[in-house]
Amino acid sequence: MERLNKSSPTAKLTDQQKKEIAELESKYKAKIAERELFVEGERIKAIDKGDAEAVEQLEKQLVSDRKSLQGELEEKKAEVRRRGK
C-alpha cells in the first residue's frame, strides 16, 4: 500500500469536488439504469418474436453503452480532480 502511495499519491479533494463527483456518479448511475430499462424492453420484444440474433445484439449494445457511459463518468471525475490542483 505504501508503494502505491509513493508512485501515485492520493489527492485531497475539497468538499465541493466531493459533492461534484457524487453528483456525477448519481447522474451517470441514472443514465445507465435508464439505458438498461430501455434495452431490457427491446430485449423482451425480441425474445417474444423469437429473434435470438437481435437479443444478442441488444446485449452487446448494452455492454458497450455501459462502458461508454462509465468512461465518460471517469473523464468528468478526472476533470473535477484536475480543477482542484
PDB file of N, CA and C in Angstrom:
ATOM      1  N   MET A   1       0.819  -1.180   0.000  1.00  0.00           N
ATOM      2  CA  MET A   1       0.000   0.000   0.000  1.00  0.00           C
ATOM      3  C   MET A   1       0.872   1.256   0.000  1.00  0.00           C
ATOM      4  N   GLU A   2       1.943   1.216   0.757  1.00  0.00           N
ATOM      5  CA  GLU A   2       2.835   2.373   0.808  1.00  0.00           C
ATOM      6  C   GLU A   2       3.481   2.624  -0.550  1.00  0.00           C
ATOM      7  N   ARG A   3       3.849   1.556  -1.235  1.00  0.00           N
ATOM      8  CA  ARG A   3       4.465   1.707  -2.561  1.00  0.00           C
ATOM      9  C   ARG A   3       3.479   2.351  -3.529  1.00  0.00           C
ATOM     10  N   LEU A   4       2.224   1.979  -3.423  1.00  0.00           N
ATOM     11  CA  LEU A   4       1.212   2.556  -4.290  1.00  0.00           C
ATOM     12  C   LEU A   4       1.107   4.062  -4.052  1.00  0.00           C
ATOM     13  N   ASN A   5       1.104   4.482  -2.811  1.00  0.00           N
ATOM     14  CA  ASN A   5       1.008   5.906  -2.489  1.00  0.00           C
ATOM     15  C   ASN A   5       2.238   6.679  -2.952  1.00  0.00           C
ATOM     16  N   LYS A   6       3.396   6.049  -2.951  1.00  0.00           N
ATOM     17  CA  LYS A   6       4.604   6.728  -3.411  1.00  0.00           C
ATOM     18  C   LYS A   6       4.558   6.981  -4.907  1.00  0.00           C
ATOM     19  N   SER A   7       4.100   5.997  -5.657  1.00  0.00           N
ATOM     20  CA  SER A   7       4.068   6.144  -7.102  1.00  0.00           C
ATOM     21  C   SER A   7       2.863   6.963  -7.569  1.00  0.00           C
ATOM     22  N   SER A   8       1.797   6.955  -6.811  1.00  0.00           N
ATOM     23  CA  SER A   8       0.583   7.669  -7.185  1.00  0.00           C
ATOM     24  C   SER A   8      -0.109   8.176  -5.928  1.00  0.00           C
ATOM     25  N   PRO A   9       0.378   9.255  -5.369  1.00  0.00           N
ATOM     26  CA  PRO A   9      -0.205   9.745  -4.126  1.00  0.00           C
ATOM     27  C   PRO A   9      -1.661  10.169  -4.321  1.00  0.00           C
ATOM     28  N   THR A  10      -2.460   9.900  -3.313  1.00  0.00           N
ATOM     29  CA  THR A  10      -3.866  10.272  -3.406  1.00  0.00           C
ATOM     30  C   THR A  10      -4.016  11.768  -3.191  1.00  0.00           C
ATOM     31  N   ALA A  11      -4.829  12.377  -4.017  1.00  0.00           N
ATOM     32  CA  ALA A  11      -5.052  13.815  -3.926  1.00  0.00           C
ATOM     33  C   ALA A  11      -6.164  14.084  -2.925  1.00  0.00           C
ATOM     34  N   LYS A  12      -6.010  15.149  -2.182  1.00  0.00           N
ATOM     35  CA  LYS A  12      -7.041  15.565  -1.247  1.00  0.00           C
ATOM     36  C   LYS A  12      -8.096  16.330  -2.027  1.00  0.00           C
ATOM     37  N   LEU A  13      -9.328  15.928  -1.870  1.00  0.00           N
ATOM     38  CA  LEU A  13     -10.417  16.597  -2.568  1.00  0.00           C
ATOM     39  C   LEU A  13     -11.106  17.575  -1.634  1.00  0.00           C
ATOM     40  N   THR A  14     -11.523  18.690  -2.207  1.00  0.00           N
ATOM     41  CA  THR A  14     -12.276  19.659  -1.418  1.00  0.00           C
ATOM     42  C   THR A  14     -13.705  19.130  -1.260  1.00  0.00           C
ATOM     43  N   ASP A  15     -14.440  19.736  -0.346  1.00  0.00           N
ATOM     44  CA  ASP A  15     -15.831  19.343  -0.166  1.00  0.00           C
ATOM     45  C   ASP A  15     -16.632  19.580  -1.440  1.00  0.00           C
ATOM     46  N   GLN A  16     -16.316  20.662  -2.135  1.00  0.00           N
ATOM     47  CA  GLN A  16     -17.007  20.969  -3.391  1.00  0.00           C
ATOM     48  C   GLN A  16     -16.715  19.903  -4.448  1.00  0.00           C
ATOM     49  N   GLN A  17     -15.452  19.477  -4.537  1.00  0.00           N
ATOM     50  CA  GLN A  17     -15.094  18.433  -5.507  1.00  0.00           C
ATOM     51  C   GLN A  17     -15.808  17.126  -5.169  1.00  0.00           C
ATOM     52  N   LYS A  18     -15.843  16.786  -3.891  1.00  0.00           N
ATOM     53  CA  LYS A  18     -16.532  15.563  -3.469  1.00  0.00           C
ATOM     54  C   LYS A  18     -18.004  15.629  -3.854  1.00  0.00           C
ATOM     55  N   LYS A  19     -18.608  16.806  -3.657  1.00  0.00           N
ATOM     56  CA  LYS A  19     -20.011  16.986  -3.991  1.00  0.00           C
ATOM     57  C   LYS A  19     -20.226  16.842  -5.502  1.00  0.00           C
ATOM     58  N   GLU A  20     -19.357  17.471  -6.298  1.00  0.00           N
ATOM     59  CA  GLU A  20     -19.468  17.383  -7.756  1.00  0.00           C
ATOM     60  C   GLU A  20     -19.319  15.942  -8.230  1.00  0.00           C
ATOM     61  N   ILE A  21     -18.361  15.232  -7.665  1.00  0.00           N
ATOM     62  CA  ILE A  21     -18.132  13.838  -8.060  1.00  0.00           C
ATOM     63  C   ILE A  21     -19.337  12.983  -7.679  1.00  0.00           C
ATOM     64  N   ALA A  22     -19.887  13.209  -6.492  1.00  0.00           N
ATOM     65  CA  ALA A  22     -21.071  12.454  -6.061  1.00  0.00           C
ATOM     66  C   ALA A  22     -22.251  12.724  -6.998  1.00  0.00           C
ATOM     67  N   GLU A  23     -22.407  13.986  -7.416  1.00  0.00           N
ATOM     68  CA  GLU A  23     -23.488  14.335  -8.342  1.00  0.00           C
ATOM     69  C   GLU A  23     -23.283  13.661  -9.699  1.00  0.00           C
ATOM     70  N   LEU A  24     -22.042  13.655 -10.162  1.00  0.00           N
ATOM     71  CA  LEU A  24     -21.743  12.989 -11.435  1.00  0.00           C
ATOM     72  C   LEU A  24     -22.049  11.497 -11.353  1.00  0.00           C
ATOM     73  N   GLU A  25     -21.627  10.867 -10.259  1.00  0.00           N
ATOM     74  CA  GLU A  25     -21.865   9.432 -10.102  1.00  0.00           C
ATOM     75  C   GLU A  25     -23.359   9.133 -10.078  1.00  0.00           C
ATOM     76  N   SER A  26     -24.117   9.969  -9.384  1.00  0.00           N
ATOM     77  CA  SER A  26     -25.566   9.789  -9.320  1.00  0.00           C
ATOM     78  C   SER A  26     -26.195   9.959 -10.697  1.00  0.00           C
ATOM     79  N   LYS A  27     -25.773  10.988 -11.415  1.00  0.00           N
ATOM     80  CA  LYS A  27     -26.299  11.266 -12.751  1.00  0.00           C
ATOM     81  C   LYS A  27     -26.018  10.101 -13.701  1.00  0.00           C
ATOM     82  N   TYR A  28     -24.791   9.591 -13.672  1.00  0.00           N
ATOM     83  CA  TYR A  28     -24.432   8.512 -14.588  1.00  0.00           C
ATOM     84  C   TYR A  28     -25.039   7.180 -14.174  1.00  0.00           C
ATOM     85  N   LYS A  29     -25.251   6.994 -12.890  1.00  0.00           N
ATOM     86  CA  LYS A  29     -25.940   5.785 -12.429  1.00  0.00           C
ATOM     87  C   LYS A  29     -27.355   5.784 -12.997  1.00  0.00           C
ATOM     88  N   ALA A  30     -28.001   6.956 -12.982  1.00  0.00           N
ATOM     89  CA  ALA A  30     -29.349   7.079 -13.531  1.00  0.00           C
ATOM     90  C   ALA A  30     -29.350   6.862 -15.046  1.00  0.00           C
ATOM     91  N   LYS A  31     -28.349   7.413 -15.737  1.00  0.00           N
ATOM     92  CA  LYS A  31     -28.261   7.231 -17.198  1.00  0.00           C
ATOM     93  C   LYS A  31     -28.115   5.756 -17.548  1.00  0.00           C
ATOM     94  N   ILE A  32     -27.273   5.059 -16.794  1.00  0.00           N
ATOM     95  CA  ILE A  32     -27.055   3.631 -17.056  1.00  0.00           C
ATOM     96  C   ILE A  32     -28.333   2.848 -16.784  1.00  0.00           C
ATOM     97  N   ALA A  33     -29.017   3.159 -15.683  1.00  0.00           N
ATOM     98  CA  ALA A  33     -30.263   2.463 -15.355  1.00  0.00           C
ATOM     99  C   ALA A  33     -31.321   2.716 -16.424  1.00  0.00           C
ATOM    100  N   GLU A  34     -31.395   3.949 -16.903  1.00  0.00           N
ATOM    101  CA  GLU A  34     -32.347   4.292 -17.958  1.00  0.00           C
ATOM    102  C   GLU A  34     -32.070   3.477 -19.213  1.00  0.00           C
ATOM    103  N   ARG A  35     -30.805   3.393 -19.566  1.00  0.00           N
ATOM    104  CA  ARG A  35     -30.417   2.633 -20.754  1.00  0.00           C
ATOM    105  C   ARG A  35     -30.729   1.150 -20.578  1.00  0.00           C
ATOM    106  N   GLU A  36     -30.462   0.623 -19.374  1.00  0.00           N
ATOM    107  CA  GLU A  36     -30.746  -0.784 -19.100  1.00  0.00           C
ATOM    108  C   GLU A  36     -32.237  -1.083 -19.242  1.00  0.00           C
ATOM    109  N   LEU A  37     -33.075  -0.185 -18.720  1.00  0.00           N
ATOM    110  CA  LEU A  37     -34.521  -0.384 -18.826  1.00  0.00           C
ATOM    111  C   LEU A  37     -34.981  -0.375 -20.278  1.00  0.00           C
ATOM    112  N   PHE A  38     -34.462   0.569 -21.056  1.00  0.00           N
ATOM    113  CA  PHE A  38     -34.824   0.643 -22.462  1.00  0.00           C
ATOM    114  C   PHE A  38     -34.420  -0.637 -23.196  1.00  0.00           C
ATOM    115  N   VAL A  39     -33.182  -1.044 -23.012  1.00  0.00           N
ATOM    116  CA  VAL A  39     -32.686  -2.225 -23.720  1.00  0.00           C
ATOM    117  C   VAL A  39     -33.424  -3.474 -23.256  1.00  0.00           C
ATOM    118  N   GLU A  40     -33.749  -3.554 -21.973  1.00  0.00           N
ATOM    119  CA  GLU A  40     -34.484  -4.722 -21.475  1.00  0.00           C
ATOM    120  C   GLU A  40     -35.854  -4.812 -22.151  1.00  0.00           C
ATOM    121  N   GLY A  41     -36.513  -3.665 -22.330  1.00  0.00           N
ATOM    122  CA  GLY A  41     -37.796  -3.668 -23.024  1.00  0.00           C
ATOM    123  C   GLY A  41     -37.658  -4.151 -24.457  1.00  0.00           C
ATOM    124  N   GLU A  42     -36.629  -3.679 -25.136  1.00  0.00           N
ATOM    125  CA  GLU A  42     -36.375  -4.110 -26.514  1.00  0.00           C
ATOM    126  C   GLU A  42     -35.997  -5.593 -26.564  1.00  0.00           C
ATOM    127  N   ARG A  43     -35.254  -6.023 -25.568  1.00  0.00           N
ATOM    128  CA  ARG A  43     -34.836  -7.428 -25.485  1.00  0.00           C
ATOM    129  C   ARG A  43     -36.052  -8.335 -25.335  1.00  0.00           C
ATOM    130  N   ILE A  44     -36.987  -7.922 -24.486  1.00  0.00           N
ATOM    131  CA  ILE A  44     -38.212  -8.722 -24.282  1.00  0.00           C
ATOM    132  C   ILE A  44     -39.008  -8.814 -25.583  1.00  0.00           C
ATOM    133  N   LYS A  45     -39.099  -7.703 -26.319  1.00  0.00           N
ATOM    134  CA  LYS A  45     -39.791  -7.717 -27.606  1.00  0.00           C
ATOM    135  C   LYS A  45     -39.114  -8.700 -28.561  1.00  0.00           C
ATOM    136  N   ALA A  46     -37.784  -8.678 -28.583  1.00  0.00           N
ATOM    137  CA  ALA A  46     -37.038  -9.576 -29.477  1.00  0.00           C
ATOM    138  C   ALA A  46     -37.229 -11.036 -29.069  1.00  0.00           C
ATOM    139  N   ILE A  47     -37.260 -11.287 -27.773  1.00  0.00           N
ATOM    140  CA  ILE A  47     -37.485 -12.663 -27.290  1.00  0.00           C
ATOM    141  C   ILE A  47     -38.869 -13.132 -27.714  1.00  0.00           C
ATOM    142  N   ASP A  48     -39.855 -12.253 -27.541  1.00  0.00           N
ATOM    143  CA  ASP A  48     -41.225 -12.614 -27.936  1.00  0.00           C
ATOM    144  C   ASP A  48     -41.322 -12.945 -29.418  1.00  0.00           C
ATOM    145  N   LYS A  49     -40.533 -12.258 -30.239  1.00  0.00           N
ATOM    146  CA  LYS A  49     -40.520 -12.516 -31.686  1.00  0.00           C
ATOM    147  C   LYS A  49     -39.675 -13.740 -32.033  1.00  0.00           C
ATOM    148  N   GLY A  50     -38.899 -14.221 -31.060  1.00  0.00           N
ATOM    149  CA  GLY A  50     -38.022 -15.356 -31.320  1.00  0.00           C
ATOM    150  C   GLY A  50     -36.767 -14.975 -32.079  1.00  0.00           C
ATOM    151  N   ASP A  51     -36.386 -13.718 -31.990  1.00  0.00           N
ATOM    152  CA  ASP A  51     -35.224 -13.200 -32.725  1.00  0.00           C
ATOM    153  C   ASP A  51     -33.971 -13.248 -31.829  1.00  0.00           C
ATOM    154  N   ALA A  52     -33.331 -14.390 -31.807  1.00  0.00           N
ATOM    155  CA  ALA A  52     -32.161 -14.591 -30.947  1.00  0.00           C
ATOM    156  C   ALA A  52     -31.006 -13.678 -31.335  1.00  0.00           C
ATOM    157  N   GLU A  53     -30.870 -13.409 -32.617  1.00  0.00           N
ATOM    158  CA  GLU A  53     -29.784 -12.543 -33.089  1.00  0.00           C
ATOM    159  C   GLU A  53     -29.962 -11.115 -32.542  1.00  0.00           C
ATOM    160  N   ALA A  54     -31.206 -10.625 -32.551  1.00  0.00           N
ATOM    161  CA  ALA A  54     -31.486  -9.290 -32.024  1.00  0.00           C
ATOM    162  C   ALA A  54     -31.224  -9.230 -30.522  1.00  0.00           C
ATOM    163  N   VAL A  55     -31.570 -10.292 -29.821  1.00  0.00           N
ATOM    164  CA  VAL A  55     -31.330 -10.358 -28.373  1.00  0.00           C
ATOM    165  C   VAL A  55     -29.836 -10.257 -28.106  1.00  0.00           C
ATOM    166  N   GLU A  56     -29.064 -11.009 -28.835  1.00  0.00           N
ATOM    167  CA  GLU A  56     -27.614 -10.993 -28.663  1.00  0.00           C
ATOM    168  C   GLU A  56     -27.040  -9.607 -28.973  1.00  0.00           C
ATOM    169  N   GLN A  57     -27.532  -9.009 -30.050  1.00  0.00           N
ATOM    170  CA  GLN A  57     -27.069  -7.677 -30.440  1.00  0.00           C
ATOM    171  C   GLN A  57     -27.407  -6.647 -29.369  1.00  0.00           C
ATOM    172  N   LEU A  58     -28.601  -6.727 -28.797  1.00  0.00           N
ATOM    173  CA  LEU A  58     -29.009  -5.794 -27.745  1.00  0.00           C
ATOM    174  C   LEU A  58     -28.137  -5.954 -26.499  1.00  0.00           C
ATOM    175  N   GLU A  59     -27.813  -7.188 -26.169  1.00  0.00           N
ATOM    176  CA  GLU A  59     -26.951  -7.428 -25.011  1.00  0.00           C
ATOM    177  C   GLU A  59     -25.563  -6.838 -25.232  1.00  0.00           C
ATOM    178  N   LYS A  60     -25.041  -6.997 -26.439  1.00  0.00           N
ATOM    179  CA  LYS A  60     -23.734  -6.418 -26.762  1.00  0.00           C
ATOM    180  C   LYS A  60     -23.799  -4.890 -26.720  1.00  0.00           C
ATOM    181  N   GLN A  61     -24.895  -4.335 -27.226  1.00  0.00           N
ATOM    182  CA  GLN A  61     -25.071  -2.892 -27.224  1.00  0.00           C
ATOM    183  C   GLN A  61     -25.120  -2.354 -25.793  1.00  0.00           C
ATOM    184  N   LEU A  62     -25.791  -3.079 -24.916  1.00  0.00           N
ATOM    185  CA  LEU A  62     -25.880  -2.650 -23.521  1.00  0.00           C
ATOM    186  C   LEU A  62     -24.505  -2.638 -22.858  1.00  0.00           C
ATOM    187  N   VAL A  63     -23.714  -3.654 -23.112  1.00  0.00           N
ATOM    188  CA  VAL A  63     -22.357  -3.707 -22.570  1.00  0.00           C
ATOM    189  C   VAL A  63     -21.543  -2.522 -23.082  1.00  0.00           C
ATOM    190  N   SER A  64     -21.668  -2.266 -24.370  1.00  0.00           N
ATOM    191  CA  SER A  64     -20.960  -1.146 -24.977  1.00  0.00           C
ATOM    192  C   SER A  64     -21.410   0.190 -24.385  1.00  0.00           C
ATOM    193  N   ASP A  65     -22.708   0.350 -24.220  1.00  0.00           N
ATOM    194  CA  ASP A  65     -23.244   1.589 -23.649  1.00  0.00           C
ATOM    195  C   ASP A  65     -22.757   1.795 -22.219  1.00  0.00           C
ATOM    196  N   ARG A  66     -22.752   0.722 -21.452  1.00  0.00           N
ATOM    197  CA  ARG A  66     -22.270   0.826 -20.060  1.00  0.00           C
ATOM    198  C   ARG A  66     -20.811   1.279 -20.031  1.00  0.00           C
ATOM    199  N   LYS A  67     -19.985   0.660 -20.867  1.00  0.00           N
ATOM    200  CA  LYS A  67     -18.566   1.024 -20.913  1.00  0.00           C
ATOM    201  C   LYS A  67     -18.390   2.476 -21.326  1.00  0.00           C
ATOM    202  N   SER A  68     -19.153   2.890 -22.314  1.00  0.00           N
ATOM    203  CA  SER A  68     -19.072   4.261 -22.808  1.00  0.00           C
ATOM    204  C   SER A  68     -19.464   5.256 -21.720  1.00  0.00           C
ATOM    205  N   LEU A  69     -20.576   5.008 -21.064  1.00  0.00           N
ATOM    206  CA  LEU A  69     -21.030   5.915 -20.006  1.00  0.00           C
ATOM    207  C   LEU A  69     -20.062   5.912 -18.825  1.00  0.00           C
ATOM    208  N   GLN A  70     -19.529   4.748 -18.491  1.00  0.00           N
ATOM    209  CA  GLN A  70     -18.565   4.667 -17.396  1.00  0.00           C
ATOM    210  C   GLN A  70     -17.298   5.445 -17.757  1.00  0.00           C
ATOM    211  N   GLY A  71     -16.875   5.350 -19.014  1.00  0.00           N
ATOM    212  CA  GLY A  71     -15.717   6.108 -19.472  1.00  0.00           C
ATOM    213  C   GLY A  71     -15.954   7.607 -19.393  1.00  0.00           C
ATOM    214  N   GLU A  72     -17.135   8.049 -19.812  1.00  0.00           N
ATOM    215  CA  GLU A  72     -17.492   9.471 -19.709  1.00  0.00           C
ATOM    216  C   GLU A  72     -17.441   9.935 -18.260  1.00  0.00           C
ATOM    217  N   LEU A  73     -18.001   9.103 -17.381  1.00  0.00           N
ATOM    218  CA  LEU A  73     -18.013   9.442 -15.958  1.00  0.00           C
ATOM    219  C   LEU A  73     -16.597   9.603 -15.433  1.00  0.00           C
ATOM    220  N   GLU A  74     -15.724   8.668 -15.758  1.00  0.00           N
ATOM    221  CA  GLU A  74     -14.349   8.738 -15.267  1.00  0.00           C
ATOM    222  C   GLU A  74     -13.631   9.976 -15.798  1.00  0.00           C
ATOM    223  N   GLU A  75     -13.889  10.330 -17.057  1.00  0.00           N
ATOM    224  CA  GLU A  75     -13.281  11.542 -17.618  1.00  0.00           C
ATOM    225  C   GLU A  75     -13.741  12.790 -16.872  1.00  0.00           C
ATOM    226  N   LYS A  76     -15.027  12.861 -16.606  1.00  0.00           N
ATOM    227  CA  LYS A  76     -15.569  14.033 -15.905  1.00  0.00           C
ATOM    228  C   LYS A  76     -15.068  14.103 -14.467  1.00  0.00           C
ATOM    229  N   LYS A  77     -14.937  12.945 -13.821  1.00  0.00           N
ATOM    230  CA  LYS A  77     -14.398  12.936 -12.454  1.00  0.00           C
ATOM    231  C   LYS A  77     -12.949  13.392 -12.459  1.00  0.00           C
ATOM    232  N   ALA A  78     -12.183  12.951 -13.445  1.00  0.00           N
ATOM    233  CA  ALA A  78     -10.779  13.359 -13.544  1.00  0.00           C
ATOM    234  C   ALA A  78     -10.680  14.868 -13.765  1.00  0.00           C
ATOM    235  N   GLU A  79     -11.596  15.395 -14.564  1.00  0.00           N
ATOM    236  CA  GLU A  79     -11.626  16.845 -14.810  1.00  0.00           C
ATOM    237  C   GLU A  79     -11.885  17.606 -13.505  1.00  0.00           C
ATOM    238  N   VAL A  80     -12.808  17.128 -12.717  1.00  0.00           N
ATOM    239  CA  VAL A  80     -13.096  17.764 -11.422  1.00  0.00           C
ATOM    240  C   VAL A  80     -11.869  17.709 -10.531  1.00  0.00           C
ATOM    241  N   ARG A  81     -11.179  16.575 -10.533  1.00  0.00           N
ATOM    242  CA  ARG A  81      -9.974  16.438  -9.700  1.00  0.00           C
ATOM    243  C   ARG A  81      -8.862  17.385 -10.161  1.00  0.00           C
ATOM    244  N   ARG A  82      -8.712  17.517 -11.491  1.00  0.00           N
ATOM    245  CA  ARG A  82      -7.677  18.414 -12.031  1.00  0.00           C
ATOM    246  C   ARG A  82      -7.952  19.866 -11.676  1.00  0.00           C
ATOM    247  N   ARG A  83      -9.186  20.261 -11.706  1.00  0.00           N
ATOM    248  CA  ARG A  83      -9.528  21.652 -11.396  1.00  0.00           C
ATOM    249  C   ARG A  83      -9.129  22.025  -9.972  1.00  0.00           C
ATOM    250  N   GLY A  84      -9.027  21.041  -9.118  1.00  0.00           N
ATOM    251  CA  GLY A  84      -8.701  21.311  -7.715  1.00  0.00           C
ATOM    252  C   GLY A  84      -7.215  21.523  -7.454  1.00  0.00           C
ATOM    253  N   LYS A  85      -6.385  21.236  -8.437  1.00  0.00           N
ATOM    254  CA  LYS A  85      -4.927  21.334  -8.230  1.00  0.00           C
ATOM    255  C   LYS A  85      -4.438  22.720  -8.492  1.00  0.00           C
TER     256      LYS A  85
END
